[in-house]
Amino acid sequence: MPDIVLATLNAKYIHAAFGLRYLMANLGDLQPRACIVEFDINQRPLDIAEVLLAREPRIIGLGVYIWNVDETREVVAAIKRVS
């Protein structure tokens, strides 16, 4: 299982996070150790945190955009509480 998780909260399920794909494309030798996980901003922050932590990553990278900054802060707070 990948130990580097690149994640974001999209405005809708039909949107794709290009920033995460650019990061993934430029990870070089680390690319096989990474995965992209996308969520919807309407999902509960605690649920998102649990999904991310269930992967047991060493590194979590979060894509933050103007439309998801508040929700992403809530996810980070939930990760800190749970882990």
N, C-alpha and C. Protein backbone atom coordinates (compact mmCIF):
# COMPACT_ATOMS: atom_id res chain seq x y z
N MET A 1 0.85 -1.18 0.00
CA MET A 1 0.00 0.00 0.00
C MET A 1 0.89 1.24 0.00
N PRO A 2 0.55 2.23 -0.82
CA PRO A 2 1.36 3.45 -0.87
C PRO A 2 1.44 4.15 0.49
N ASP A 3 2.62 4.67 0.79
CA ASP A 3 2.78 5.38 2.07
C ASP A 3 2.81 6.89 1.90
N ILE A 4 2.59 7.36 0.68
CA ILE A 4 2.45 8.79 0.40
C ILE A 4 1.06 8.97 -0.20
N VAL A 5 0.24 9.79 0.44
CA VAL A 5 -1.12 10.03 -0.04
C VAL A 5 -1.26 11.50 -0.42
N LEU A 6 -1.64 11.74 -1.65
CA LEU A 6 -1.95 13.08 -2.13
C LEU A 6 -3.47 13.16 -2.21
N ALA A 7 -4.06 14.09 -1.49
CA ALA A 7 -5.52 14.14 -1.40
C ALA A 7 -6.02 15.57 -1.51
N THR A 8 -7.29 15.68 -1.87
CA THR A 8 -7.94 16.98 -1.91
C THR A 8 -9.44 16.81 -1.78
N LEU A 9 -10.10 17.91 -1.53
CA LEU A 9 -11.55 17.96 -1.47
C LEU A 9 -12.02 18.76 -2.68
N ASN A 10 -12.63 18.08 -3.62
CA ASN A 10 -13.13 18.74 -4.82
C ASN A 10 -14.50 19.36 -4.57
N ALA A 11 -14.83 20.35 -5.38
CA ALA A 11 -16.14 20.99 -5.26
C ALA A 11 -17.25 20.02 -5.66
N LYS A 12 -16.97 19.13 -6.61
CA LYS A 12 -17.92 18.11 -7.06
C LYS A 12 -17.14 16.87 -7.44
N TYR A 13 -17.82 15.74 -7.49
CA TYR A 13 -17.15 14.49 -7.88
C TYR A 13 -16.66 14.53 -9.31
N ILE A 14 -17.27 15.34 -10.16
CA ILE A 14 -16.86 15.37 -11.55
C ILE A 14 -15.58 16.16 -11.77
N HIS A 15 -15.14 16.91 -10.79
CA HIS A 15 -13.92 17.69 -10.92
C HIS A 15 -12.71 16.82 -10.63
N ALA A 16 -11.60 17.15 -11.26
CA ALA A 16 -10.34 16.44 -11.00
C ALA A 16 -9.31 17.46 -10.54
N ALA A 17 -8.50 17.07 -9.58
CA ALA A 17 -7.49 17.96 -9.02
C ALA A 17 -6.22 17.87 -9.86
N PHE A 18 -6.02 18.83 -10.74
CA PHE A 18 -4.85 18.81 -11.61
C PHE A 18 -3.55 18.98 -10.82
N GLY A 19 -3.59 19.78 -9.75
CA GLY A 19 -2.39 19.99 -8.95
C GLY A 19 -1.82 18.70 -8.40
N LEU A 20 -2.69 17.82 -7.93
CA LEU A 20 -2.23 16.53 -7.41
C LEU A 20 -1.60 15.70 -8.52
N ARG A 21 -2.16 15.77 -9.70
CA ARG A 21 -1.62 15.00 -10.82
C ARG A 21 -0.25 15.54 -11.26
N TYR A 22 -0.06 16.83 -11.19
CA TYR A 22 1.26 17.40 -11.48
C TYR A 22 2.27 16.94 -10.44
N LEU A 23 1.88 16.96 -9.18
CA LEU A 23 2.78 16.47 -8.13
C LEU A 23 3.13 15.01 -8.34
N MET A 24 2.12 14.19 -8.61
CA MET A 24 2.34 12.77 -8.84
C MET A 24 3.29 12.55 -10.02
N ALA A 25 3.08 13.28 -11.08
CA ALA A 25 3.91 13.13 -12.28
C ALA A 25 5.37 13.49 -12.02
N ASN A 26 5.62 14.32 -11.02
CA ASN A 26 6.98 14.77 -10.75
C ASN A 26 7.59 14.16 -9.49
N LEU A 27 7.02 13.09 -8.99
CA LEU A 27 7.58 12.43 -7.81
C LEU A 27 8.80 11.57 -8.12
N GLY A 28 9.04 11.35 -9.39
CA GLY A 28 10.22 10.57 -9.77
C GLY A 28 10.18 9.16 -9.18
N ASP A 29 11.27 8.77 -8.51
CA ASP A 29 11.38 7.43 -7.94
C ASP A 29 10.36 7.16 -6.83
N LEU A 30 9.78 8.21 -6.27
CA LEU A 30 8.79 8.04 -5.20
C LEU A 30 7.38 7.75 -5.74
N GLN A 31 7.19 7.89 -7.03
CA GLN A 31 5.85 7.73 -7.60
C GLN A 31 5.20 6.39 -7.28
N PRO A 32 5.92 5.26 -7.32
CA PRO A 32 5.27 3.99 -6.98
C PRO A 32 4.79 3.92 -5.52
N ARG A 33 5.33 4.77 -4.68
CA ARG A 33 4.95 4.79 -3.26
C ARG A 33 3.78 5.72 -2.99
N ALA A 34 3.23 6.36 -4.02
CA ALA A 34 2.21 7.39 -3.83
C ALA A 34 0.88 7.02 -4.48
N CYS A 35 -0.17 7.63 -3.96
CA CYS A 35 -1.50 7.48 -4.57
C CYS A 35 -2.25 8.80 -4.43
N ILE A 36 -3.24 8.96 -5.27
CA ILE A 36 -4.12 10.13 -5.23
C ILE A 36 -5.48 9.68 -4.72
N VAL A 37 -6.00 10.44 -3.76
CA VAL A 37 -7.33 10.16 -3.21
C VAL A 37 -8.11 11.48 -3.24
N GLU A 38 -9.27 11.45 -3.87
CA GLU A 38 -10.07 12.66 -3.97
C GLU A 38 -11.41 12.49 -3.25
N PHE A 39 -11.83 13.56 -2.62
CA PHE A 39 -13.08 13.58 -1.88
C PHE A 39 -13.92 14.74 -2.38
N ASP A 40 -15.14 14.81 -1.88
CA ASP A 40 -16.07 15.88 -2.18
C ASP A 40 -16.18 16.77 -0.94
N ILE A 41 -16.27 18.08 -1.11
CA ILE A 41 -16.31 18.97 0.05
C ILE A 41 -17.54 18.76 0.93
N ASN A 42 -18.51 18.02 0.43
CA ASN A 42 -19.71 17.74 1.22
C ASN A 42 -19.56 16.53 2.13
N GLN A 43 -18.43 15.82 2.02
CA GLN A 43 -18.20 14.68 2.91
C GLN A 43 -17.76 15.19 4.28
N ARG A 44 -18.09 14.43 5.32
CA ARG A 44 -17.73 14.82 6.68
C ARG A 44 -16.21 14.79 6.86
N PRO A 45 -15.62 15.83 7.44
CA PRO A 45 -14.17 15.87 7.67
C PRO A 45 -13.64 14.66 8.44
N LEU A 46 -14.38 14.20 9.44
CA LEU A 46 -13.94 13.04 10.21
C LEU A 46 -13.91 11.79 9.34
N ASP A 47 -14.88 11.63 8.46
CA ASP A 47 -14.90 10.48 7.54
C ASP A 47 -13.69 10.52 6.61
N ILE A 48 -13.38 11.71 6.11
CA ILE A 48 -12.22 11.87 5.22
C ILE A 48 -10.94 11.53 5.98
N ALA A 49 -10.81 12.04 7.18
CA ALA A 49 -9.62 11.75 8.00
C ALA A 49 -9.48 10.26 8.24
N GLU A 50 -10.58 9.58 8.53
CA GLU A 50 -10.52 8.14 8.77
C GLU A 50 -10.10 7.37 7.53
N VAL A 51 -10.60 7.76 6.37
CA VAL A 51 -10.21 7.10 5.12
C VAL A 51 -8.72 7.30 4.87
N LEU A 52 -8.24 8.52 5.07
CA LEU A 52 -6.82 8.80 4.85
C LEU A 52 -5.95 8.01 5.83
N LEU A 53 -6.29 8.03 7.09
CA LEU A 53 -5.48 7.36 8.11
C LEU A 53 -5.55 5.84 7.98
N ALA A 54 -6.63 5.30 7.44
CA ALA A 54 -6.75 3.86 7.24
C ALA A 54 -5.69 3.35 6.26
N ARG A 55 -5.19 4.22 5.42
CA ARG A 55 -4.13 3.85 4.47
C ARG A 55 -2.75 3.79 5.13
N GLU A 56 -2.68 4.23 6.37
CA GLU A 56 -1.44 4.24 7.16
C GLU A 56 -0.28 4.93 6.42
N PRO A 57 -0.51 6.16 5.95
CA PRO A 57 0.55 6.86 5.21
C PRO A 57 1.63 7.41 6.14
N ARG A 58 2.81 7.57 5.59
CA ARG A 58 3.87 8.29 6.29
C ARG A 58 3.75 9.77 5.98
N ILE A 59 3.23 10.08 4.79
CA ILE A 59 3.09 11.47 4.34
C ILE A 59 1.70 11.66 3.74
N ILE A 60 1.03 12.73 4.15
CA ILE A 60 -0.24 13.13 3.53
C ILE A 60 -0.05 14.54 2.98
N GLY A 61 -0.25 14.68 1.68
CA GLY A 61 -0.21 15.99 1.04
C GLY A 61 -1.62 16.39 0.67
N LEU A 62 -2.04 17.57 1.07
CA LEU A 62 -3.40 18.02 0.80
C LEU A 62 -3.41 19.19 -0.17
N GLY A 63 -4.20 19.06 -1.22
CA GLY A 63 -4.37 20.15 -2.17
C GLY A 63 -5.38 21.15 -1.61
N VAL A 64 -4.95 22.39 -1.44
CA VAL A 64 -5.82 23.41 -0.85
C VAL A 64 -6.12 24.47 -1.90
N TYR A 65 -7.40 24.74 -2.05
CA TYR A 65 -7.87 25.72 -3.01
C TYR A 65 -8.82 26.67 -2.30
N ILE A 66 -9.16 27.77 -2.93
CA ILE A 66 -10.02 28.77 -2.29
C ILE A 66 -11.37 28.17 -1.90
N TRP A 67 -11.88 27.22 -2.67
CA TRP A 67 -13.20 26.65 -2.38
C TRP A 67 -13.17 25.54 -1.33
N ASN A 68 -11.98 25.07 -0.92
CA ASN A 68 -11.94 23.98 0.06
C ASN A 68 -11.09 24.27 1.29
N VAL A 69 -10.65 25.49 1.45
CA VAL A 69 -9.72 25.79 2.54
C VAL A 69 -10.34 25.53 3.92
N ASP A 70 -11.57 25.92 4.12
CA ASP A 70 -12.19 25.71 5.43
C ASP A 70 -12.39 24.23 5.72
N GLU A 71 -12.88 23.49 4.73
CA GLU A 71 -13.09 22.06 4.91
C GLU A 71 -11.77 21.33 5.11
N THR A 72 -10.72 21.76 4.39
CA THR A 72 -9.41 21.13 4.54
C THR A 72 -8.86 21.37 5.94
N ARG A 73 -9.06 22.55 6.48
CA ARG A 73 -8.64 22.82 7.87
C ARG A 73 -9.33 21.86 8.84
N GLU A 74 -10.60 21.61 8.60
CA GLU A 74 -11.34 20.69 9.46
C GLU A 74 -10.79 19.27 9.34
N VAL A 75 -10.41 18.87 8.14
CA VAL A 75 -9.82 17.54 7.94
C VAL A 75 -8.49 17.44 8.69
N VAL A 76 -7.66 18.46 8.58
CA VAL A 76 -6.37 18.46 9.28
C VAL A 76 -6.59 18.37 10.79
N ALA A 77 -7.53 19.13 11.30
CA ALA A 77 -7.83 19.07 12.74
C ALA A 77 -8.30 17.67 13.14
N ALA A 78 -9.12 17.05 12.31
CA ALA A 78 -9.60 15.69 12.60
C ALA A 78 -8.46 14.69 12.57
N ILE A 79 -7.54 14.83 11.62
CA ILE A 79 -6.38 13.94 11.55
C ILE A 79 -5.55 14.07 12.82
N LYS A 80 -5.34 15.30 13.26
CA LYS A 80 -4.56 15.52 14.49
C LYS A 80 -5.24 14.89 15.70
N ARG A 81 -6.56 15.00 15.76
CA ARG A 81 -7.30 14.42 16.89
C ARG A 81 -7.26 12.90 16.88
N VAL A 82 -7.42 12.31 15.71
CA VAL A 82 -7.55 10.86 15.59
C VAL A 82 -6.20 10.15 15.67
N SER A 83 -5.18 10.74 15.10
CA SER A 83 -3.89 10.03 15.01
C SER A 83 -3.04 10.19 16.25
